[in-house]
Amino acid sequence: MSKLSADERDHLGKGAFAFPETRKEPLENASHVRNAIARFNQVKGVSDADRDAAWKRIRTAAAKFGVEVSETDWREIGRK
């Protein structure tokens, strides 16, 4: 995964994150999108509504960066 420095992360707008209110899981490139999916269930302190919105942002970013996502809903992550 490509690393973001603290300064680079601080300069990202809220829209660059799967969870913008808590600034968790940046979606800046394909590597970050794959990481956001892998770590999705590890994010703490967010509601199901936040997860629904984050999943939509992740799916949009995945399409943008050509990342294949087999799950149609975040509740399916890790069930295979």
PDB file of N, CA and C in Angstrom:
ATOM      1  N   MET A   1       0.849  -1.178   0.000  1.00  0.00           N
ATOM      2  CA  MET A   1       0.000   0.000   0.000  1.00  0.00           C
ATOM      3  C   MET A   1       0.889   1.234   0.000  1.00  0.00           C
ATOM      4  N   SER A   2       0.493   2.219  -0.747  1.00  0.00           N
ATOM      5  CA  SER A   2       1.235   3.467  -0.735  1.00  0.00           C
ATOM      6  C   SER A   2       0.904   4.213   0.556  1.00  0.00           C
ATOM      7  N   LYS A   3       1.930   4.710   1.185  1.00  0.00           N
ATOM      8  CA  LYS A   3       1.764   5.395   2.466  1.00  0.00           C
ATOM      9  C   LYS A   3       1.505   6.874   2.250  1.00  0.00           C
ATOM     10  N   LEU A   4       0.644   7.417   3.090  1.00  0.00           N
ATOM     11  CA  LEU A   4       0.432   8.860   3.131  1.00  0.00           C
ATOM     12  C   LEU A   4       1.167   9.377   4.354  1.00  0.00           C
ATOM     13  N   SER A   5       1.907  10.440   4.170  1.00  0.00           N
ATOM     14  CA  SER A   5       2.536  11.051   5.332  1.00  0.00           C
ATOM     15  C   SER A   5       1.442  11.735   6.157  1.00  0.00           C
ATOM     16  N   ALA A   6       1.740  12.049   7.385  1.00  0.00           N
ATOM     17  CA  ALA A   6       0.773  12.740   8.237  1.00  0.00           C
ATOM     18  C   ALA A   6       0.355  14.067   7.606  1.00  0.00           C
ATOM     19  N   ASP A   7       1.306  14.750   7.006  1.00  0.00           N
ATOM     20  CA  ASP A   7       1.007  16.027   6.362  1.00  0.00           C
ATOM     21  C   ASP A   7       0.087  15.830   5.155  1.00  0.00           C
ATOM     22  N   GLU A   8       0.374  14.820   4.335  1.00  0.00           N
ATOM     23  CA  GLU A   8      -0.481  14.539   3.174  1.00  0.00           C
ATOM     24  C   GLU A   8      -1.897  14.169   3.619  1.00  0.00           C
ATOM     25  N   ARG A   9      -1.984  13.343   4.644  1.00  0.00           N
ATOM     26  CA  ARG A   9      -3.294  12.926   5.157  1.00  0.00           C
ATOM     27  C   ARG A   9      -4.066  14.117   5.702  1.00  0.00           C
ATOM     28  N   ASP A  10      -3.377  15.001   6.411  1.00  0.00           N
ATOM     29  CA  ASP A  10      -4.021  16.186   6.986  1.00  0.00           C
ATOM     30  C   ASP A  10      -4.570  17.125   5.905  1.00  0.00           C
ATOM     31  N   HIS A  11      -3.973  17.094   4.726  1.00  0.00           N
ATOM     32  CA  HIS A  11      -4.400  17.990   3.652  1.00  0.00           C
ATOM     33  C   HIS A  11      -5.488  17.397   2.745  1.00  0.00           C
ATOM     34  N   LEU A  12      -5.856  16.158   3.002  1.00  0.00           N
ATOM     35  CA  LEU A  12      -6.939  15.559   2.227  1.00  0.00           C
ATOM     36  C   LEU A  12      -8.272  16.126   2.701  1.00  0.00           C
ATOM     37  N   GLY A  13      -9.172  16.369   1.778  1.00  0.00           N
ATOM     38  CA  GLY A  13     -10.512  16.801   2.140  1.00  0.00           C
ATOM     39  C   GLY A  13     -11.302  15.640   2.720  1.00  0.00           C
ATOM     40  N   LYS A  14     -12.369  15.949   3.419  1.00  0.00           N
ATOM     41  CA  LYS A  14     -13.198  14.901   4.021  1.00  0.00           C
ATOM     42  C   LYS A  14     -13.689  13.899   2.990  1.00  0.00           C
ATOM     43  N   GLY A  15     -13.949  14.368   1.780  1.00  0.00           N
ATOM     44  CA  GLY A  15     -14.466  13.493   0.738  1.00  0.00           C
ATOM     45  C   GLY A  15     -13.486  12.430   0.278  1.00  0.00           C
ATOM     46  N   ALA A  16     -12.250  12.513   0.708  1.00  0.00           N
ATOM     47  CA  ALA A  16     -11.232  11.548   0.316  1.00  0.00           C
ATOM     48  C   ALA A  16     -11.193  10.330   1.234  1.00  0.00           C
ATOM     49  N   PHE A  17     -12.111  10.255   2.182  1.00  0.00           N
ATOM     50  CA  PHE A  17     -12.135   9.167   3.157  1.00  0.00           C
ATOM     51  C   PHE A  17     -13.432   8.375   3.071  1.00  0.00           C
ATOM     52  N   ALA A  18     -13.344   7.079   3.348  1.00  0.00           N
ATOM     53  CA  ALA A  18     -14.556   6.260   3.401  1.00  0.00           C
ATOM     54  C   ALA A  18     -15.447   6.735   4.542  1.00  0.00           C
ATOM     55  N   PHE A  19     -14.833   7.079   5.662  1.00  0.00           N
ATOM     56  CA  PHE A  19     -15.544   7.592   6.834  1.00  0.00           C
ATOM     57  C   PHE A  19     -15.097   9.041   7.060  1.00  0.00           C
ATOM     58  N   PRO A  20     -15.725   9.981   6.376  1.00  0.00           N
ATOM     59  CA  PRO A  20     -15.225  11.367   6.385  1.00  0.00           C
ATOM     60  C   PRO A  20     -15.304  12.066   7.741  1.00  0.00           C
ATOM     61  N   GLU A  21     -16.300  11.775   8.531  1.00  0.00           N
ATOM     62  CA  GLU A  21     -16.427  12.467   9.817  1.00  0.00           C
ATOM     63  C   GLU A  21     -15.298  12.114  10.769  1.00  0.00           C
ATOM     64  N   THR A  22     -14.823  10.883  10.698  1.00  0.00           N
ATOM     65  CA  THR A  22     -13.720  10.456  11.564  1.00  0.00           C
ATOM     66  C   THR A  22     -12.392  10.403  10.812  1.00  0.00           C
ATOM     67  N   ARG A  23     -12.431  10.734   9.508  1.00  0.00           N
ATOM     68  CA  ARG A  23     -11.250  10.748   8.645  1.00  0.00           C
ATOM     69  C   ARG A  23     -10.527   9.402   8.665  1.00  0.00           C
ATOM     70  N   LYS A  24     -11.329   8.336   8.564  1.00  0.00           N
ATOM     71  CA  LYS A  24     -10.768   6.981   8.546  1.00  0.00           C
ATOM     72  C   LYS A  24     -10.859   6.404   7.148  1.00  0.00           C
ATOM     73  N   GLU A  25      -9.858   5.654   6.772  1.00  0.00           N
ATOM     74  CA  GLU A  25      -9.767   4.931   5.518  1.00  0.00           C
ATOM     75  C   GLU A  25      -9.758   5.833   4.280  1.00  0.00           C
ATOM     76  N   PRO A  26      -8.587   6.408   3.970  1.00  0.00           N
ATOM     77  CA  PRO A  26      -8.473   7.232   2.764  1.00  0.00           C
ATOM     78  C   PRO A  26      -8.703   6.395   1.507  1.00  0.00           C
ATOM     79  N   LEU A  27      -9.203   7.034   0.470  1.00  0.00           N
ATOM     80  CA  LEU A  27      -9.528   6.362  -0.793  1.00  0.00           C
ATOM     81  C   LEU A  27      -8.825   7.053  -1.957  1.00  0.00           C
ATOM     82  N   GLU A  28      -7.533   7.264  -1.824  1.00  0.00           N
ATOM     83  CA  GLU A  28      -6.767   8.044  -2.798  1.00  0.00           C
ATOM     84  C   GLU A  28      -6.266   7.261  -3.999  1.00  0.00           C
ATOM     85  N   ASN A  29      -6.241   5.938  -3.913  1.00  0.00           N
ATOM     86  CA  ASN A  29      -5.761   5.128  -5.033  1.00  0.00           C
ATOM     87  C   ASN A  29      -6.255   3.692  -4.845  1.00  0.00           C
ATOM     88  N   ALA A  30      -5.945   2.821  -5.792  1.00  0.00           N
ATOM     89  CA  ALA A  30      -6.432   1.437  -5.742  1.00  0.00           C
ATOM     90  C   ALA A  30      -5.955   0.713  -4.485  1.00  0.00           C
ATOM     91  N   SER A  31      -4.731   0.937  -4.101  1.00  0.00           N
ATOM     92  CA  SER A  31      -4.190   0.291  -2.908  1.00  0.00           C
ATOM     93  C   SER A  31      -4.970   0.696  -1.650  1.00  0.00           C
ATOM     94  N   HIS A  32      -5.269   1.972  -1.544  1.00  0.00           N
ATOM     95  CA  HIS A  32      -6.045   2.444  -0.395  1.00  0.00           C
ATOM     96  C   HIS A  32      -7.459   1.874  -0.404  1.00  0.00           C
ATOM     97  N   VAL A  33      -8.049   1.744  -1.579  1.00  0.00           N
ATOM     98  CA  VAL A  33      -9.397   1.176  -1.673  1.00  0.00           C
ATOM     99  C   VAL A  33      -9.382  -0.278  -1.201  1.00  0.00           C
ATOM    100  N   ARG A  34      -8.411  -1.058  -1.677  1.00  0.00           N
ATOM    101  CA  ARG A  34      -8.313  -2.452  -1.231  1.00  0.00           C
ATOM    102  C   ARG A  34      -8.102  -2.530   0.277  1.00  0.00           C
ATOM    103  N   ASN A  35      -7.295  -1.641   0.815  1.00  0.00           N
ATOM    104  CA  ASN A  35      -7.053  -1.616   2.254  1.00  0.00           C
ATOM    105  C   ASN A  35      -8.322  -1.234   3.014  1.00  0.00           C
ATOM    106  N   ALA A  36      -9.070  -0.278   2.497  1.00  0.00           N
ATOM    107  CA  ALA A  36     -10.321   0.140   3.149  1.00  0.00           C
ATOM    108  C   ALA A  36     -11.307  -1.020   3.221  1.00  0.00           C
ATOM    109  N   ILE A  37     -11.358  -1.825   2.180  1.00  0.00           N
ATOM    110  CA  ILE A  37     -12.240  -2.994   2.188  1.00  0.00           C
ATOM    111  C   ILE A  37     -11.739  -4.012   3.207  1.00  0.00           C
ATOM    112  N   ALA A  38     -10.455  -4.283   3.203  1.00  0.00           N
ATOM    113  CA  ALA A  38      -9.882  -5.270   4.124  1.00  0.00           C
ATOM    114  C   ALA A  38     -10.057  -4.874   5.582  1.00  0.00           C
ATOM    115  N   ARG A  39      -9.991  -3.582   5.867  1.00  0.00           N
ATOM    116  CA  ARG A  39     -10.072  -3.111   7.253  1.00  0.00           C
ATOM    117  C   ARG A  39     -11.469  -2.625   7.648  1.00  0.00           C
ATOM    118  N   PHE A  40     -12.409  -2.726   6.745  1.00  0.00           N
ATOM    119  CA  PHE A  40     -13.736  -2.146   6.950  1.00  0.00           C
ATOM    120  C   PHE A  40     -14.359  -2.554   8.284  1.00  0.00           C
ATOM    121  N   ASN A  41     -14.323  -3.837   8.602  1.00  0.00           N
ATOM    122  CA  ASN A  41     -14.951  -4.318   9.835  1.00  0.00           C
ATOM    123  C   ASN A  41     -14.149  -3.994  11.094  1.00  0.00           C
ATOM    124  N   GLN A  42     -12.969  -3.446  10.940  1.00  0.00           N
ATOM    125  CA  GLN A  42     -12.142  -3.070  12.084  1.00  0.00           C
ATOM    126  C   GLN A  42     -12.396  -1.634  12.538  1.00  0.00           C
ATOM    127  N   VAL A  43     -13.110  -0.864  11.747  1.00  0.00           N
ATOM    128  CA  VAL A  43     -13.380   0.530  12.091  1.00  0.00           C
ATOM    129  C   VAL A  43     -14.361   0.568  13.259  1.00  0.00           C
ATOM    130  N   LYS A  44     -13.996   1.257  14.295  1.00  0.00           N
ATOM    131  CA  LYS A  44     -14.805   1.343  15.523  1.00  0.00           C
ATOM    132  C   LYS A  44     -15.457   2.717  15.636  1.00  0.00           C
ATOM    133  N   GLY A  45     -16.533   2.779  16.379  1.00  0.00           N
ATOM    134  CA  GLY A  45     -17.163   4.059  16.698  1.00  0.00           C
ATOM    135  C   GLY A  45     -17.984   4.662  15.577  1.00  0.00           C
ATOM    136  N   VAL A  46     -18.485   3.825  14.665  1.00  0.00           N
ATOM    137  CA  VAL A  46     -19.333   4.323  13.584  1.00  0.00           C
ATOM    138  C   VAL A  46     -20.634   3.529  13.569  1.00  0.00           C
ATOM    139  N   SER A  47     -21.693   4.165  13.113  1.00  0.00           N
ATOM    140  CA  SER A  47     -23.008   3.523  13.060  1.00  0.00           C
ATOM    141  C   SER A  47     -23.163   2.710  11.770  1.00  0.00           C
ATOM    142  N   ASP A  48     -24.217   1.920  11.711  1.00  0.00           N
ATOM    143  CA  ASP A  48     -24.513   1.190  10.480  1.00  0.00           C
ATOM    144  C   ASP A  48     -24.808   2.154   9.338  1.00  0.00           C
ATOM    145  N   ALA A  49     -25.440   3.273   9.638  1.00  0.00           N
ATOM    146  CA  ALA A  49     -25.697   4.282   8.607  1.00  0.00           C
ATOM    147  C   ALA A  49     -24.375   4.844   8.075  1.00  0.00           C
ATOM    148  N   ASP A  50     -23.410   5.070   8.968  1.00  0.00           N
ATOM    149  CA  ASP A  50     -22.080   5.518   8.536  1.00  0.00           C
ATOM    150  C   ASP A  50     -21.427   4.467   7.651  1.00  0.00           C
ATOM    151  N   ARG A  51     -21.578   3.202   8.019  1.00  0.00           N
ATOM    152  CA  ARG A  51     -21.005   2.105   7.235  1.00  0.00           C
ATOM    153  C   ARG A  51     -21.667   2.018   5.858  1.00  0.00           C
ATOM    154  N   ASP A  52     -22.991   2.195   5.818  1.00  0.00           N
ATOM    155  CA  ASP A  52     -23.687   2.177   4.526  1.00  0.00           C
ATOM    156  C   ASP A  52     -23.134   3.263   3.603  1.00  0.00           C
ATOM    157  N   ALA A  53     -22.974   4.461   4.143  1.00  0.00           N
ATOM    158  CA  ALA A  53     -22.457   5.580   3.347  1.00  0.00           C
ATOM    159  C   ALA A  53     -21.001   5.332   2.951  1.00  0.00           C
ATOM    160  N   ALA A  54     -20.207   4.799   3.878  1.00  0.00           N
ATOM    161  CA  ALA A  54     -18.801   4.511   3.583  1.00  0.00           C
ATOM    162  C   ALA A  54     -18.686   3.451   2.497  1.00  0.00           C
ATOM    163  N   TRP A  55     -19.548   2.435   2.559  1.00  0.00           N
ATOM    164  CA  TRP A  55     -19.500   1.375   1.549  1.00  0.00           C
ATOM    165  C   TRP A  55     -19.797   1.939   0.164  1.00  0.00           C
ATOM    166  N   LYS A  56     -20.745   2.860   0.098  1.00  0.00           N
ATOM    167  CA  LYS A  56     -21.068   3.498  -1.177  1.00  0.00           C
ATOM    168  C   LYS A  56     -19.848   4.265  -1.704  1.00  0.00           C
ATOM    169  N   ARG A  57     -19.150   4.993  -0.832  1.00  0.00           N
ATOM    170  CA  ARG A  57     -17.950   5.729  -1.246  1.00  0.00           C
ATOM    171  C   ARG A  57     -16.849   4.771  -1.693  1.00  0.00           C
ATOM    172  N   ILE A  58     -16.709   3.657  -0.989  1.00  0.00           N
ATOM    173  CA  ILE A  58     -15.689   2.670  -1.352  1.00  0.00           C
ATOM    174  C   ILE A  58     -16.003   2.067  -2.718  1.00  0.00           C
ATOM    175  N   ARG A  59     -17.258   1.704  -2.955  1.00  0.00           N
ATOM    176  CA  ARG A  59     -17.647   1.125  -4.256  1.00  0.00           C
ATOM    177  C   ARG A  59     -17.402   2.128  -5.395  1.00  0.00           C
ATOM    178  N   THR A  60     -17.690   3.393  -5.148  1.00  0.00           N
ATOM    179  CA  THR A  60     -17.449   4.425  -6.160  1.00  0.00           C
ATOM    180  C   THR A  60     -15.953   4.545  -6.444  1.00  0.00           C
ATOM    181  N   ALA A  61     -15.142   4.585  -5.379  1.00  0.00           N
ATOM    182  CA  ALA A  61     -13.686   4.681  -5.545  1.00  0.00           C
ATOM    183  C   ALA A  61     -13.137   3.424  -6.225  1.00  0.00           C
ATOM    184  N   ALA A  62     -13.683   2.265  -5.889  1.00  0.00           N
ATOM    185  CA  ALA A  62     -13.239   1.012  -6.509  1.00  0.00           C
ATOM    186  C   ALA A  62     -13.469   1.060  -8.013  1.00  0.00           C
ATOM    187  N   ALA A  63     -14.630   1.532  -8.422  1.00  0.00           N
ATOM    188  CA  ALA A  63     -14.919   1.649  -9.857  1.00  0.00           C
ATOM    189  C   ALA A  63     -13.960   2.635 -10.518  1.00  0.00           C
ATOM    190  N   LYS A  64     -13.681   3.729  -9.844  1.00  0.00           N
ATOM    191  CA  LYS A  64     -12.783   4.752 -10.385  1.00  0.00           C
ATOM    192  C   LYS A  64     -11.374   4.208 -10.611  1.00  0.00           C
ATOM    193  N   PHE A  65     -10.890   3.393  -9.662  1.00  0.00           N
ATOM    194  CA  PHE A  65      -9.517   2.902  -9.723  1.00  0.00           C
ATOM    195  C   PHE A  65      -9.401   1.478 -10.272  1.00  0.00           C
ATOM    196  N   GLY A  66     -10.515   0.908 -10.742  1.00  0.00           N
ATOM    197  CA  GLY A  66     -10.476  -0.420 -11.340  1.00  0.00           C
ATOM    198  C   GLY A  66     -10.273  -1.558 -10.357  1.00  0.00           C
ATOM    199  N   VAL A  67     -10.757  -1.394  -9.140  1.00  0.00           N
ATOM    200  CA  VAL A  67     -10.643  -2.435  -8.117  1.00  0.00           C
ATOM    201  C   VAL A  67     -11.915  -3.279  -8.154  1.00  0.00           C
ATOM    202  N   GLU A  68     -11.750  -4.581  -8.328  1.00  0.00           N
ATOM    203  CA  GLU A  68     -12.900  -5.478  -8.356  1.00  0.00           C
ATOM    204  C   GLU A  68     -13.396  -5.730  -6.933  1.00  0.00           C
ATOM    205  N   VAL A  69     -14.694  -5.564  -6.744  1.00  0.00           N
ATOM    206  CA  VAL A  69     -15.315  -5.805  -5.445  1.00  0.00           C
ATOM    207  C   VAL A  69     -16.414  -6.836  -5.651  1.00  0.00           C
ATOM    208  N   SER A  70     -16.258  -8.000  -5.033  1.00  0.00           N
ATOM    209  CA  SER A  70     -17.254  -9.051  -5.224  1.00  0.00           C
ATOM    210  C   SER A  70     -18.457  -8.881  -4.302  1.00  0.00           C
ATOM    211  N   GLU A  71     -18.262  -8.264  -3.159  1.00  0.00           N
ATOM    212  CA  GLU A  71     -19.355  -8.045  -2.216  1.00  0.00           C
ATOM    213  C   GLU A  71     -20.262  -6.921  -2.711  1.00  0.00           C
ATOM    214  N   THR A  72     -21.557  -7.105  -2.566  1.00  0.00           N
ATOM    215  CA  THR A  72     -22.495  -6.049  -2.938  1.00  0.00           C
ATOM    216  C   THR A  72     -22.886  -5.204  -1.738  1.00  0.00           C
ATOM    217  N   ASP A  73     -22.623  -5.712  -0.541  1.00  0.00           N
ATOM    218  CA  ASP A  73     -22.977  -5.023   0.699  1.00  0.00           C
ATOM    219  C   ASP A  73     -21.848  -5.242   1.700  1.00  0.00           C
ATOM    220  N   TRP A  74     -21.587  -4.271   2.559  1.00  0.00           N
ATOM    221  CA  TRP A  74     -20.492  -4.396   3.520  1.00  0.00           C
ATOM    222  C   TRP A  74     -20.712  -5.539   4.501  1.00  0.00           C
ATOM    223  N   ARG A  75     -21.941  -5.943   4.687  1.00  0.00           N
ATOM    224  CA  ARG A  75     -22.226  -7.051   5.617  1.00  0.00           C
ATOM    225  C   ARG A  75     -21.729  -8.387   5.080  1.00  0.00           C
ATOM    226  N   GLU A  76     -21.366  -8.441   3.811  1.00  0.00           N
ATOM    227  CA  GLU A  76     -20.860  -9.655   3.190  1.00  0.00           C
ATOM    228  C   GLU A  76     -19.349  -9.817   3.332  1.00  0.00           C
ATOM    229  N   ILE A  77     -18.655  -8.807   3.794  1.00  0.00           N
ATOM    230  CA  ILE A  77     -17.196  -8.850   3.896  1.00  0.00           C
ATOM    231  C   ILE A  77     -16.797  -9.974   4.854  1.00  0.00           C
ATOM    232  N   GLY A  78     -15.916 -10.839   4.387  1.00  0.00           N
ATOM    233  CA  GLY A  78     -15.382 -11.909   5.217  1.00  0.00           C
ATOM    234  C   GLY A  78     -16.295 -13.119   5.362  1.00  0.00           C
ATOM    235  N   ARG A  79     -17.366 -13.196   4.618  1.00  0.00           N
ATOM    236  CA  ARG A  79     -18.287 -14.327   4.734  1.00  0.00           C
ATOM    237  C   ARG A  79     -18.022 -15.427   3.713  1.00  0.00           C
ATOM    238  N   LYS A  80     -16.985 -15.321   2.946  1.00  0.00           N
ATOM    239  CA  LYS A  80     -16.737 -16.328   1.904  1.00  0.00           C
ATOM    240  C   LYS A  80     -15.765 -17.353   2.364  1.00  0.00           C
TER     241      LYS A  80
END
